[in-house]
């Protein structure tokens, strides 16, 4: 997320992401090319589904291993509930520490 894209302006800067309701539709595109974590401190939004979850989990693991404390948000979409691989992982409460991802 290096460019000031419409996605970044709408979802991150004006906090529209926090005003979404169940059933609201959003349209996202990308990423295109390579993507990796910035070195600067920043909050992050990850969007994944299906096989696209694997690289996002790797980025999130890197995030935690680096000891980052900024907010992150993961949107995971699957066709069926039983396809969600993270459904057995404990839900982390705001401010709660996690030692391993």
Foldseek 3Di string as FASTA:
>chain_A
DPDCDPCCVCCPVVPVVVVDDVPDDDDDDDDDDDDADDPDADEEEAEDEDPRVVVVVVRVQVCVVVVHDHHYHYHYDYPDPVPDPCPPPDDADPPRDDDGD
